[in-house]
Amino acid sequence: MMLIREIVQHAFATGCLTIQAENQLRQLLRTKYDAKDLKAFMQLQQAAMSGSVRQESRERHDRIVA
């Protein structure tokens, strides 16, 4: 299984957090992880809130609601 920071790096590289990656993050966050993974996850959260990384799940939700 990938590390949290690897999933985060991929999201930053592509500019998008896929639904699959979100699900992987949820699973990994239920396990033990180190400080580097936590820092990477927090950076991803900020990037998603600022819009510099898109969230596929949010885009789907917005299309359904609209």
PDB file of N, CA and C in Angstrom:
ATOM      1  N   MET A   1       0.840  -1.178   0.000  1.00  0.00           N
ATOM      2  CA  MET A   1       0.000   0.000   0.000  1.00  0.00           C
ATOM      3  C   MET A   1       0.888   1.245   0.000  1.00  0.00           C
ATOM      4  N   MET A   2       0.407   2.270  -0.653  1.00  0.00           N
ATOM      5  CA  MET A   2       1.161   3.525  -0.762  1.00  0.00           C
ATOM      6  C   MET A   2       1.177   4.258   0.573  1.00  0.00           C
ATOM      7  N   LEU A   3       2.126   5.149   0.693  1.00  0.00           N
ATOM      8  CA  LEU A   3       2.176   6.047   1.840  1.00  0.00           C
ATOM      9  C   LEU A   3       1.282   7.249   1.572  1.00  0.00           C
ATOM     10  N   ILE A   4       0.832   7.887   2.629  1.00  0.00           N
ATOM     11  CA  ILE A   4       0.004   9.081   2.494  1.00  0.00           C
ATOM     12  C   ILE A   4       0.719  10.124   1.650  1.00  0.00           C
ATOM     13  N   ARG A   5       1.995  10.336   1.940  1.00  0.00           N
ATOM     14  CA  ARG A   5       2.726  11.381   1.211  1.00  0.00           C
ATOM     15  C   ARG A   5       2.883  11.061  -0.276  1.00  0.00           C
ATOM     16  N   GLU A   6       2.872   9.792  -0.650  1.00  0.00           N
ATOM     17  CA  GLU A   6       2.937   9.440  -2.066  1.00  0.00           C
ATOM     18  C   GLU A   6       1.631   9.797  -2.782  1.00  0.00           C
ATOM     19  N   ILE A   7       0.522   9.562  -2.118  1.00  0.00           N
ATOM     20  CA  ILE A   7      -0.778   9.928  -2.687  1.00  0.00           C
ATOM     21  C   ILE A   7      -0.870  11.448  -2.811  1.00  0.00           C
ATOM     22  N   VAL A   8      -0.395  12.149  -1.794  1.00  0.00           N
ATOM     23  CA  VAL A   8      -0.405  13.614  -1.809  1.00  0.00           C
ATOM     24  C   VAL A   8       0.477  14.139  -2.936  1.00  0.00           C
ATOM     25  N   GLN A   9       1.663  13.569  -3.098  1.00  0.00           N
ATOM     26  CA  GLN A   9       2.562  14.000  -4.176  1.00  0.00           C
ATOM     27  C   GLN A   9       1.887  13.833  -5.532  1.00  0.00           C
ATOM     28  N   HIS A  10       1.185  12.732  -5.715  1.00  0.00           N
ATOM     29  CA  HIS A  10       0.503  12.492  -6.987  1.00  0.00           C
ATOM     30  C   HIS A  10      -0.608  13.522  -7.202  1.00  0.00           C
ATOM     31  N   ALA A  11      -1.346  13.835  -6.157  1.00  0.00           N
ATOM     32  CA  ALA A  11      -2.414  14.834  -6.268  1.00  0.00           C
ATOM     33  C   ALA A  11      -1.846  16.201  -6.640  1.00  0.00           C
ATOM     34  N   PHE A  12      -0.724  16.573  -6.042  1.00  0.00           N
ATOM     35  CA  PHE A  12      -0.091  17.845  -6.393  1.00  0.00           C
ATOM     36  C   PHE A  12       0.430  17.825  -7.822  1.00  0.00           C
ATOM     37  N   ALA A  13       0.988  16.695  -8.245  1.00  0.00           N
ATOM     38  CA  ALA A  13       1.548  16.593  -9.597  1.00  0.00           C
ATOM     39  C   ALA A  13       0.458  16.690 -10.663  1.00  0.00           C
ATOM     40  N   THR A  14      -0.708  16.125 -10.381  1.00  0.00           N
ATOM     41  CA  THR A  14      -1.796  16.125 -11.363  1.00  0.00           C
ATOM     42  C   THR A  14      -2.768  17.284 -11.163  1.00  0.00           C
ATOM     43  N   GLY A  15      -2.743  17.877  -9.971  1.00  0.00           N
ATOM     44  CA  GLY A  15      -3.682  18.951  -9.673  1.00  0.00           C
ATOM     45  C   GLY A  15      -5.070  18.455  -9.323  1.00  0.00           C
ATOM     46  N   CYS A  16      -5.189  17.136  -9.116  1.00  0.00           N
ATOM     47  CA  CYS A  16      -6.502  16.558  -8.832  1.00  0.00           C
ATOM     48  C   CYS A  16      -6.373  15.415  -7.835  1.00  0.00           C
ATOM     49  N   LEU A  17      -7.277  15.380  -6.870  1.00  0.00           N
ATOM     50  CA  LEU A  17      -7.382  14.272  -5.934  1.00  0.00           C
ATOM     51  C   LEU A  17      -8.562  13.428  -6.384  1.00  0.00           C
ATOM     52  N   THR A  18      -8.281  12.224  -6.861  1.00  0.00           N
ATOM     53  CA  THR A  18      -9.341  11.360  -7.369  1.00  0.00           C
ATOM     54  C   THR A  18     -10.137  10.744  -6.223  1.00  0.00           C
ATOM     55  N   ILE A  19     -11.301  10.235  -6.559  1.00  0.00           N
ATOM     56  CA  ILE A  19     -12.122   9.553  -5.559  1.00  0.00           C
ATOM     57  C   ILE A  19     -11.374   8.339  -5.014  1.00  0.00           C
ATOM     58  N   GLN A  20     -10.692   7.618  -5.892  1.00  0.00           N
ATOM     59  CA  GLN A  20      -9.919   6.453  -5.469  1.00  0.00           C
ATOM     60  C   GLN A  20      -8.833   6.863  -4.471  1.00  0.00           C
ATOM     61  N   ALA A  21      -8.145   7.957  -4.754  1.00  0.00           N
ATOM     62  CA  ALA A  21      -7.095   8.426  -3.855  1.00  0.00           C
ATOM     63  C   ALA A  21      -7.680   8.868  -2.513  1.00  0.00           C
ATOM     64  N   GLU A  22      -8.843   9.506  -2.537  1.00  0.00           N
ATOM     65  CA  GLU A  22      -9.500   9.901  -1.281  1.00  0.00           C
ATOM     66  C   GLU A  22      -9.809   8.675  -0.430  1.00  0.00           C
ATOM     67  N   ASN A  23     -10.301   7.625  -1.088  1.00  0.00           N
ATOM     68  CA  ASN A  23     -10.621   6.396  -0.359  1.00  0.00           C
ATOM     69  C   ASN A  23      -9.361   5.759   0.222  1.00  0.00           C
ATOM     70  N   GLN A  24      -8.268   5.779  -0.538  1.00  0.00           N
ATOM     71  CA  GLN A  24      -7.003   5.257  -0.031  1.00  0.00           C
ATOM     72  C   GLN A  24      -6.539   6.068   1.174  1.00  0.00           C
ATOM     73  N   LEU A  25      -6.670   7.387   1.094  1.00  0.00           N
ATOM     74  CA  LEU A  25      -6.283   8.233   2.223  1.00  0.00           C
ATOM     75  C   LEU A  25      -7.104   7.910   3.465  1.00  0.00           C
ATOM     76  N   ARG A  26      -8.392   7.714   3.289  1.00  0.00           N
ATOM     77  CA  ARG A  26      -9.245   7.370   4.442  1.00  0.00           C
ATOM     78  C   ARG A  26      -8.760   6.088   5.112  1.00  0.00           C
ATOM     79  N   GLN A  27      -8.417   5.093   4.297  1.00  0.00           N
ATOM     80  CA  GLN A  27      -7.921   3.825   4.857  1.00  0.00           C
ATOM     81  C   GLN A  27      -6.591   4.037   5.572  1.00  0.00           C
ATOM     82  N   LEU A  28      -5.682   4.762   4.942  1.00  0.00           N
ATOM     83  CA  LEU A  28      -4.362   4.968   5.532  1.00  0.00           C
ATOM     84  C   LEU A  28      -4.421   5.802   6.811  1.00  0.00           C
ATOM     85  N   LEU A  29      -5.368   6.724   6.882  1.00  0.00           N
ATOM     86  CA  LEU A  29      -5.477   7.566   8.073  1.00  0.00           C
ATOM     87  C   LEU A  29      -5.994   6.785   9.280  1.00  0.00           C
ATOM     88  N   ARG A  30      -6.540   5.596   9.037  1.00  0.00           N
ATOM     89  CA  ARG A  30      -6.985   4.733  10.136  1.00  0.00           C
ATOM     90  C   ARG A  30      -5.842   3.886  10.697  1.00  0.00           C
ATOM     91  N   THR A  31      -4.682   3.935  10.040  1.00  0.00           N
ATOM     92  CA  THR A  31      -3.531   3.149  10.467  1.00  0.00           C
ATOM     93  C   THR A  31      -2.483   4.072  11.075  1.00  0.00           C
ATOM     94  N   LYS A  32      -1.373   3.490  11.470  1.00  0.00           N
ATOM     95  CA  LYS A  32      -0.262   4.305  11.984  1.00  0.00           C
ATOM     96  C   LYS A  32       0.415   5.010  10.826  1.00  0.00           C
ATOM     97  N   TYR A  33       0.731   6.265  11.029  1.00  0.00           N
ATOM     98  CA  TYR A  33       1.455   7.038  10.023  1.00  0.00           C
ATOM     99  C   TYR A  33       2.397   7.981  10.748  1.00  0.00           C
ATOM    100  N   ASP A  34       3.425   8.440  10.026  1.00  0.00           N
ATOM    101  CA  ASP A  34       4.423   9.281  10.676  1.00  0.00           C
ATOM    102  C   ASP A  34       4.136  10.772  10.477  1.00  0.00           C
ATOM    103  N   ALA A  35       4.990  11.582  11.059  1.00  0.00           N
ATOM    104  CA  ALA A  35       4.803  13.036  11.027  1.00  0.00           C
ATOM    105  C   ALA A  35       4.884  13.579   9.601  1.00  0.00           C
ATOM    106  N   LYS A  36       5.720  12.979   8.747  1.00  0.00           N
ATOM    107  CA  LYS A  36       5.829  13.432   7.357  1.00  0.00           C
ATOM    108  C   LYS A  36       4.516  13.203   6.605  1.00  0.00           C
ATOM    109  N   ASP A  37       3.871  12.069   6.874  1.00  0.00           N
ATOM    110  CA  ASP A  37       2.579  11.808   6.237  1.00  0.00           C
ATOM    111  C   ASP A  37       1.514  12.775   6.738  1.00  0.00           C
ATOM    112  N   LEU A  38       1.515  13.052   8.029  1.00  0.00           N
ATOM    113  CA  LEU A  38       0.541  13.990   8.581  1.00  0.00           C
ATOM    114  C   LEU A  38       0.735  15.379   7.983  1.00  0.00           C
ATOM    115  N   LYS A  39       1.985  15.818   7.879  1.00  0.00           N
ATOM    116  CA  LYS A  39       2.263  17.131   7.297  1.00  0.00           C
ATOM    117  C   LYS A  39       1.810  17.183   5.838  1.00  0.00           C
ATOM    118  N   ALA A  40       2.078  16.118   5.090  1.00  0.00           N
ATOM    119  CA  ALA A  40       1.666  16.067   3.685  1.00  0.00           C
ATOM    120  C   ALA A  40       0.142  16.127   3.577  1.00  0.00           C
ATOM    121  N   PHE A  41      -0.555  15.402   4.439  1.00  0.00           N
ATOM    122  CA  PHE A  41      -2.018  15.408   4.414  1.00  0.00           C
ATOM    123  C   PHE A  41      -2.562  16.802   4.728  1.00  0.00           C
ATOM    124  N   MET A  42      -1.975  17.472   5.689  1.00  0.00           N
ATOM    125  CA  MET A  42      -2.432  18.828   6.035  1.00  0.00           C
ATOM    126  C   MET A  42      -2.189  19.790   4.872  1.00  0.00           C
ATOM    127  N   GLN A  43      -1.077  19.627   4.180  1.00  0.00           N
ATOM    128  CA  GLN A  43      -0.802  20.469   3.011  1.00  0.00           C
ATOM    129  C   GLN A  43      -1.825  20.204   1.911  1.00  0.00           C
ATOM    130  N   LEU A  44      -2.198  18.960   1.736  1.00  0.00           N
ATOM    131  CA  LEU A  44      -3.213  18.616   0.736  1.00  0.00           C
ATOM    132  C   LEU A  44      -4.557  19.232   1.103  1.00  0.00           C
ATOM    133  N   GLN A  45      -4.921  19.177   2.366  1.00  0.00           N
ATOM    134  CA  GLN A  45      -6.174  19.790   2.804  1.00  0.00           C
ATOM    135  C   GLN A  45      -6.191  21.283   2.480  1.00  0.00           C
ATOM    136  N   GLN A  46      -5.102  21.961   2.761  1.00  0.00           N
ATOM    137  CA  GLN A  46      -5.043  23.396   2.473  1.00  0.00           C
ATOM    138  C   GLN A  46      -5.117  23.660   0.972  1.00  0.00           C
ATOM    139  N   ALA A  47      -4.443  22.835   0.190  1.00  0.00           N
ATOM    140  CA  ALA A  47      -4.467  23.002  -1.265  1.00  0.00           C
ATOM    141  C   ALA A  47      -5.871  22.771  -1.821  1.00  0.00           C
ATOM    142  N   ALA A  48      -6.576  21.804  -1.266  1.00  0.00           N
ATOM    143  CA  ALA A  48      -7.948  21.540  -1.714  1.00  0.00           C
ATOM    144  C   ALA A  48      -8.864  22.704  -1.324  1.00  0.00           C
ATOM    145  N   MET A  49      -8.683  23.250  -0.134  1.00  0.00           N
ATOM    146  CA  MET A  49      -9.512  24.372   0.295  1.00  0.00           C
ATOM    147  C   MET A  49      -9.250  25.622  -0.534  1.00  0.00           C
ATOM    148  N   SER A  50      -8.008  25.819  -0.938  1.00  0.00           N
ATOM    149  CA  SER A  50      -7.662  27.011  -1.726  1.00  0.00           C
ATOM    150  C   SER A  50      -7.973  26.834  -3.205  1.00  0.00           C
ATOM    151  N   GLY A  51      -8.220  25.597  -3.613  1.00  0.00           N
ATOM    152  CA  GLY A  51      -8.549  25.343  -5.014  1.00  0.00           C
ATOM    153  C   GLY A  51      -7.357  25.011  -5.891  1.00  0.00           C
ATOM    154  N   SER A  52      -6.172  24.928  -5.306  1.00  0.00           N
ATOM    155  CA  SER A  52      -5.014  24.598  -6.136  1.00  0.00           C
ATOM    156  C   SER A  52      -4.941  23.104  -6.457  1.00  0.00           C
ATOM    157  N   VAL A  53      -5.666  22.283  -5.705  1.00  0.00           N
ATOM    158  CA  VAL A  53      -5.867  20.869  -6.036  1.00  0.00           C
ATOM    159  C   VAL A  53      -7.367  20.637  -6.073  1.00  0.00           C
ATOM    160  N   ARG A  54      -7.844  20.131  -7.204  1.00  0.00           N
ATOM    161  CA  ARG A  54      -9.275  19.837  -7.355  1.00  0.00           C
ATOM    162  C   ARG A  54      -9.610  18.509  -6.677  1.00  0.00           C
ATOM    163  N   GLN A  55     -10.824  18.405  -6.176  1.00  0.00           N
ATOM    164  CA  GLN A  55     -11.319  17.159  -5.599  1.00  0.00           C
ATOM    165  C   GLN A  55     -12.385  16.606  -6.524  1.00  0.00           C
ATOM    166  N   GLU A  56     -12.112  15.437  -7.081  1.00  0.00           N
ATOM    167  CA  GLU A  56     -13.056  14.809  -7.989  1.00  0.00           C
ATOM    168  C   GLU A  56     -14.409  14.588  -7.316  1.00  0.00           C
ATOM    169  N   SER A  57     -14.409  14.193  -6.069  1.00  0.00           N
ATOM    170  CA  SER A  57     -15.668  13.930  -5.369  1.00  0.00           C
ATOM    171  C   SER A  57     -16.489  15.206  -5.214  1.00  0.00           C
ATOM    172  N   ARG A  58     -15.838  16.311  -4.961  1.00  0.00           N
ATOM    173  CA  ARG A  58     -16.546  17.585  -4.809  1.00  0.00           C
ATOM    174  C   ARG A  58     -17.146  18.025  -6.144  1.00  0.00           C
ATOM    175  N   GLU A  59     -16.390  17.822  -7.229  1.00  0.00           N
ATOM    176  CA  GLU A  59     -16.887  18.196  -8.551  1.00  0.00           C
ATOM    177  C   GLU A  59     -18.125  17.372  -8.920  1.00  0.00           C
ATOM    178  N   ARG A  60     -18.089  16.087  -8.607  1.00  0.00           N
ATOM    179  CA  ARG A  60     -19.260  15.236  -8.878  1.00  0.00           C
ATOM    180  C   ARG A  60     -20.449  15.679  -8.048  1.00  0.00           C
ATOM    181  N   HIS A  61     -20.206  15.983  -6.786  1.00  0.00           N
ATOM    182  CA  HIS A  61     -21.276  16.432  -5.898  1.00  0.00           C
ATOM    183  C   HIS A  61     -21.896  17.725  -6.419  1.00  0.00           C
ATOM    184  N   ASP A  62     -21.045  18.650  -6.849  1.00  0.00           N
ATOM    185  CA  ASP A  62     -21.537  19.938  -7.354  1.00  0.00           C
ATOM    186  C   ASP A  62     -22.388  19.757  -8.601  1.00  0.00           C
ATOM    187  N   ARG A  63     -22.008  18.816  -9.477  1.00  0.00           N
ATOM    188  CA  ARG A  63     -22.800  18.569 -10.692  1.00  0.00           C
ATOM    189  C   ARG A  63     -24.155  17.956 -10.364  1.00  0.00           C
ATOM    190  N   ILE A  64     -24.181  17.090  -9.352  1.00  0.00           N
ATOM    191  CA  ILE A  64     -25.436  16.438  -8.972  1.00  0.00           C
ATOM    192  C   ILE A  64     -26.388  17.451  -8.345  1.00  0.00           C
ATOM    193  N   VAL A  65     -25.866  18.339  -7.514  1.00  0.00           N
ATOM    194  CA  VAL A  65     -26.679  19.325  -6.807  1.00  0.00           C
ATOM    195  C   VAL A  65     -27.191  20.401  -7.766  1.00  0.00           C
ATOM    196  N   ALA A  66     -26.402  20.756  -8.759  1.00  0.00           N
ATOM    197  CA  ALA A  66     -26.770  21.853  -9.672  1.00  0.00           C
ATOM    198  C   ALA A  66     -27.903  21.520 -10.584  1.00  0.00           C
TER     199      ALA A  66
END
